[in-house]
Protein backbone atom coordinates (compact mmCIF):
# COMPACT_ATOMS: atom_id res chain seq x y z
CA UNK A 1 5.03 61.61 111.22
CA UNK A 2 6.48 61.06 114.62
CA UNK A 3 7.55 58.11 116.80
CA UNK A 4 6.10 57.71 120.30
CA UNK A 5 7.20 55.24 122.84
CA UNK A 6 4.90 54.12 125.65
CA UNK A 7 6.62 52.22 128.47
CA UNK A 8 4.20 50.28 130.75
CA UNK A 9 5.34 48.92 134.10
CA UNK A 10 3.48 47.23 136.97
CA UNK A 11 2.83 49.67 139.86
CA UNK A 12 5.40 49.14 142.62
CA UNK A 13 2.80 47.57 144.97
CA UNK A 14 1.85 45.03 142.36
CA UNK A 15 3.48 41.54 142.51
CA UNK A 16 5.68 40.88 139.44
CA UNK A 17 6.14 37.07 139.13
CA UNK A 18 7.99 37.39 135.79
CA UNK A 19 10.41 39.88 137.25
CA UNK A 20 10.97 37.71 140.32
CA UNK A 21 11.62 34.73 138.12
CA UNK A 22 14.33 36.61 136.21
CA UNK A 23 15.78 37.99 139.43
CA UNK A 24 15.95 34.40 140.83
CA UNK A 25 17.61 33.02 137.66
CA UNK A 26 20.37 35.69 137.43
CA UNK A 27 22.49 34.36 140.40
CA UNK A 28 22.11 30.78 139.05
CA UNK A 29 23.56 31.94 135.80
CA UNK A 30 26.47 33.59 137.51
CA UNK A 31 25.30 37.27 137.49
CA UNK A 32 25.71 38.92 140.85
CA UNK A 33 24.68 42.40 142.23
CA UNK A 34 21.15 42.63 140.66
CA UNK A 35 18.87 43.45 143.61
CA UNK A 36 15.54 43.36 141.76
CA UNK A 37 13.87 43.03 138.35
CA UNK A 38 10.51 44.46 137.16
CA UNK A 39 9.21 43.39 133.75
CA UNK A 40 7.14 45.72 131.66
CA UNK A 41 5.97 46.33 128.09
CA UNK A 42 7.18 48.82 125.48
CA UNK A 43 4.93 50.06 122.55
CA UNK A 44 6.27 52.10 119.63
CA UNK A 45 3.62 54.08 117.74
CA UNK A 46 4.16 55.99 114.56
CA UNK A 47 1.71 58.82 114.54
CA UNK A 48 0.92 61.79 112.36
CA UNK A 49 1.26 65.35 113.57
CA UNK A 50 -2.53 65.63 114.42
CA UNK A 51 -2.18 63.23 117.39
CA UNK A 52 -1.77 65.39 120.45
CA UNK A 53 -0.57 64.45 123.98
CA UNK A 54 -4.10 64.13 125.34
CA UNK A 55 -4.92 61.60 122.70
CA UNK A 56 -1.79 59.65 123.51
CA UNK A 57 -2.66 59.60 127.19
CA UNK A 58 -6.08 58.27 126.36
CA UNK A 59 -4.65 55.56 124.11
CA UNK A 60 -2.19 54.53 126.83
CA UNK A 61 -4.72 54.53 129.64
CA UNK A 62 -7.46 52.72 127.84
CA UNK A 63 -5.71 50.28 125.52
CA UNK A 64 -1.98 49.87 126.18
CA UNK A 65 -2.03 49.82 130.03
CA UNK A 66 -4.32 48.77 132.87
CA UNK A 67 -4.40 51.87 135.00
CA UNK A 68 -5.48 49.89 138.05
CA UNK A 69 -2.21 47.93 138.19
CA UNK A 70 0.16 49.62 135.72
CA UNK A 71 1.85 52.93 135.31
CA UNK A 72 2.93 54.29 131.93
CA UNK A 73 5.27 56.93 130.54
CA UNK A 74 4.95 58.37 127.04
CA UNK A 75 8.02 59.77 125.19
CA UNK A 76 8.01 61.44 121.75
CA UNK A 77 11.11 60.39 119.92
CA UNK A 78 12.84 62.51 117.28
CA UNK A 79 13.39 60.60 114.06
């Protein structure tokens, strides 16, 4: 069995209102120096050894992310 992490983020050209809300709140809470925030999603999948990289790409691109507005990155994590 292996652990796979899929990080999904809005594409740079896509408006991110949740990230903007966090960025706006930080100075009000006394945190300075943060120039921008983007909010994404993280998925952790436990897969068996038969799941190859192409299958993971298909899972990410059809179920976990919307490829029109989101980018994703897949990482296999050693356990």
